[in-house]
Amino acid sequence: MRCPFCGAEDSSVLDSRPVEEGYAIRRRRQCVQCGRRFTTYERRETSTLLSVIKKDGSREPFDREKILSGLLRAIVKRPVTRERLEQLVNDVEMELLSSGESEVPAARIGELVLKRLRDVDQVAYVRFASVYREFETPDEFVKELEKLQPSESSEKSE
């Protein structure tokens, strides 16, 4: 593993432990040349297992980092940890892999993310939905917000 500080190619592993419920391994490393420490994460490569079918019909390998980066933008200044988002992405990835499909429409991935994000943080949910669903008017925001509000009939039954 190349040192991010000096670029040396040799490092020693100081500590390894499973993270993300065993779906990844966190390794604490030390550069043999400069002595600085850094952390790496190893996880199974899913891009060879899953292809994403985009809106335009093109295909690309599944990339969990794309999902995570979109979620990170949605939680800016929100009380949601990166670890919680990592778990959300793991859950989506596992559901997709367990489906047995090798090609998955991007829309399905977006809906799986939204379904889980709604329970994590509703503000982040609306932010993510606004980009994912390409809101163009304030009315589209209002409609999405109305979906989050309890309906009058369920309030009366309580």
Protein backbone atom coordinates (compact mmCIF):
# COMPACT_ATOMS: atom_id res chain seq x y z
CA MET A 1 0.00 0.00 0.00
CA ARG A 2 1.48 3.35 -1.07
CA CYS A 3 1.99 5.87 1.74
CA PRO A 4 -0.26 8.93 1.21
CA PHE A 5 2.40 11.19 2.76
CA CYS A 6 5.71 10.24 1.12
CA GLY A 7 4.61 7.88 -1.66
CA ALA A 8 6.73 4.95 -0.46
CA GLU A 9 5.31 1.60 -1.49
CA ASP A 10 6.10 -0.32 1.68
CA SER A 11 4.02 -0.18 4.85
CA SER A 12 3.41 -2.48 7.75
CA VAL A 13 0.01 -3.36 9.18
CA LEU A 14 -0.29 -2.41 12.85
CA ASP A 15 -3.92 -3.36 13.43
CA SER A 16 -6.76 -4.98 11.48
CA ARG A 17 -10.38 -5.23 12.47
CA PRO A 18 -13.70 -5.89 10.76
CA VAL A 19 -15.99 -2.89 10.28
CA GLU A 20 -19.38 -2.30 8.66
CA GLU A 21 -20.73 -5.49 10.24
CA GLY A 22 -17.97 -7.57 8.70
CA TYR A 23 -18.37 -6.25 5.15
CA ALA A 24 -15.04 -4.41 5.27
CA ILE A 25 -11.69 -4.55 7.07
CA ARG A 26 -10.06 -1.49 8.60
CA ARG A 27 -6.28 -1.63 8.61
CA ARG A 28 -4.05 0.76 10.54
CA ARG A 29 -0.72 1.01 8.72
CA GLN A 30 2.67 2.61 9.26
CA CYS A 31 4.97 3.68 6.46
CA VAL A 32 8.34 1.94 6.64
CA GLN A 33 10.11 4.96 5.11
CA CYS A 34 8.63 8.05 6.85
CA GLY A 35 7.04 6.37 9.87
CA ARG A 36 3.67 8.14 9.53
CA ARG A 37 0.49 6.21 10.18
CA PHE A 38 -2.60 5.97 7.98
CA THR A 39 -5.79 3.94 7.71
CA THR A 40 -7.02 1.84 4.81
CA TYR A 41 -10.28 0.01 4.25
CA GLU A 42 -10.71 -3.15 2.25
CA ARG A 43 -14.02 -4.42 0.95
CA ARG A 44 -15.24 -6.89 -1.59
CA GLU A 45 -15.37 -5.47 -5.09
CA THR A 46 -18.94 -5.42 -6.29
CA SER A 47 -18.40 -3.56 -9.54
CA THR A 48 -17.67 -6.88 -11.23
CA LEU A 49 -20.92 -8.31 -9.89
CA LEU A 50 -23.34 -5.46 -10.59
CA SER A 51 -23.92 -3.12 -13.51
CA VAL A 52 -26.10 -0.04 -13.28
CA ILE A 53 -28.45 0.79 -16.16
CA LYS A 54 -28.58 4.57 -16.41
CA LYS A 55 -31.59 6.61 -17.63
CA ASP A 56 -30.05 6.94 -21.08
CA GLY A 57 -29.63 3.15 -21.37
CA SER A 58 -25.87 3.16 -20.87
CA ARG A 59 -24.32 0.79 -18.36
CA GLU A 60 -21.59 1.33 -15.81
CA PRO A 61 -20.18 -0.68 -12.90
CA PHE A 62 -21.92 -0.28 -9.54
CA ASP A 63 -20.02 2.27 -7.44
CA ARG A 64 -20.93 2.50 -3.77
CA GLU A 65 -18.78 5.64 -3.45
CA LYS A 66 -21.12 7.52 -5.82
CA ILE A 67 -24.05 6.75 -3.53
CA LEU A 68 -22.05 7.68 -0.45
CA SER A 69 -20.90 10.99 -1.91
CA GLY A 70 -24.50 11.94 -2.75
CA LEU A 71 -25.57 11.04 0.77
CA LEU A 72 -22.72 13.04 2.29
CA ARG A 73 -23.90 16.12 0.39
CA ALA A 74 -27.45 15.53 1.65
CA ILE A 75 -26.44 15.41 5.33
CA VAL A 76 -24.38 18.61 5.46
CA LYS A 77 -25.04 20.21 8.85
CA ARG A 78 -27.35 17.33 9.84
CA PRO A 79 -26.88 15.05 12.88
CA VAL A 80 -26.09 11.94 10.83
CA THR A 81 -22.78 10.10 11.08
CA ARG A 82 -20.77 8.83 8.17
CA GLU A 83 -20.94 5.38 9.79
CA ARG A 84 -24.75 5.49 9.57
CA LEU A 85 -24.51 6.34 5.88
CA GLU A 86 -21.97 3.56 5.31
CA GLN A 87 -24.46 1.15 6.87
CA LEU A 88 -27.25 2.47 4.66
CA VAL A 89 -25.09 1.93 1.54
CA ASN A 90 -24.16 -1.56 2.80
CA ASP A 91 -27.85 -2.40 3.20
CA VAL A 92 -28.66 -1.21 -0.33
CA GLU A 93 -25.68 -3.08 -1.76
CA MET A 94 -26.60 -6.30 0.04
CA GLU A 95 -30.21 -6.07 -1.14
CA LEU A 96 -29.04 -5.62 -4.73
CA LEU A 97 -26.57 -8.50 -4.51
CA SER A 98 -29.09 -10.82 -2.87
CA SER A 99 -31.57 -10.15 -5.69
CA GLY A 100 -29.33 -12.20 -7.97
CA GLU A 101 -29.60 -9.64 -10.77
CA SER A 102 -26.43 -8.62 -12.57
CA GLU A 103 -27.92 -5.41 -14.01
CA VAL A 104 -29.95 -2.98 -11.94
CA PRO A 105 -31.70 0.22 -13.11
CA ALA A 106 -30.32 3.36 -11.47
CA ALA A 107 -33.89 4.30 -10.54
CA ARG A 108 -34.20 1.18 -8.38
CA ILE A 109 -30.99 2.04 -6.54
CA GLY A 110 -32.22 5.60 -5.94
CA GLU A 111 -35.53 4.38 -4.55
CA LEU A 112 -33.78 1.89 -2.23
CA VAL A 113 -31.57 4.70 -0.92
CA LEU A 114 -34.54 7.04 -0.43
CA LYS A 115 -36.57 4.38 1.37
CA ARG A 116 -33.80 3.96 3.95
CA LEU A 117 -32.79 7.62 4.15
CA ARG A 118 -36.34 8.63 5.03
CA ASP A 119 -35.98 6.78 8.34
CA VAL A 120 -32.52 8.22 9.01
CA ASP A 121 -33.12 11.96 8.51
CA GLN A 122 -36.08 13.59 6.80
CA VAL A 123 -34.23 16.78 5.82
CA ALA A 124 -31.47 14.73 4.19
CA TYR A 125 -34.20 12.67 2.53
CA VAL A 126 -35.75 15.76 0.91
CA ARG A 127 -32.34 17.07 -0.14
CA PHE A 128 -31.39 13.73 -1.73
CA ALA A 129 -34.82 13.36 -3.35
CA SER A 130 -34.63 16.85 -4.84
CA VAL A 131 -31.44 15.97 -6.70
CA TYR A 132 -32.31 12.36 -7.47
CA ARG A 133 -35.80 13.18 -8.75
CA GLU A 134 -34.60 16.43 -10.37
CA PHE A 135 -37.08 18.82 -8.75
CA GLU A 136 -37.58 21.90 -10.90
CA THR A 137 -40.31 23.78 -9.06
CA PRO A 138 -41.16 24.61 -5.44
CA ASP A 139 -44.37 22.59 -5.89
CA GLU A 140 -42.32 19.44 -6.28
CA PHE A 141 -40.66 20.13 -2.92
CA VAL A 142 -44.05 20.72 -1.31
CA LYS A 143 -45.43 17.44 -2.66
CA GLU A 144 -42.43 15.56 -1.27
CA LEU A 145 -42.81 17.27 2.09
CA GLU A 146 -46.49 16.37 2.18
CA LYS A 147 -45.52 12.70 1.81
CA LEU A 148 -43.49 13.03 5.02
CA GLN A 149 -46.36 14.51 7.03
CA PRO A 150 -48.71 12.12 8.79
CA SER A 151 -52.06 12.04 7.06
CA GLU A 152 -55.10 13.55 8.79
CA SER A 153 -56.84 10.17 8.93
CA SER A 154 -53.93 8.55 10.79
CA GLU A 155 -53.78 11.51 13.22
CA LYS A 156 -57.49 11.14 14.03
CA SER A 157 -57.14 7.41 14.67
CA GLU A 158 -54.48 8.02 17.36
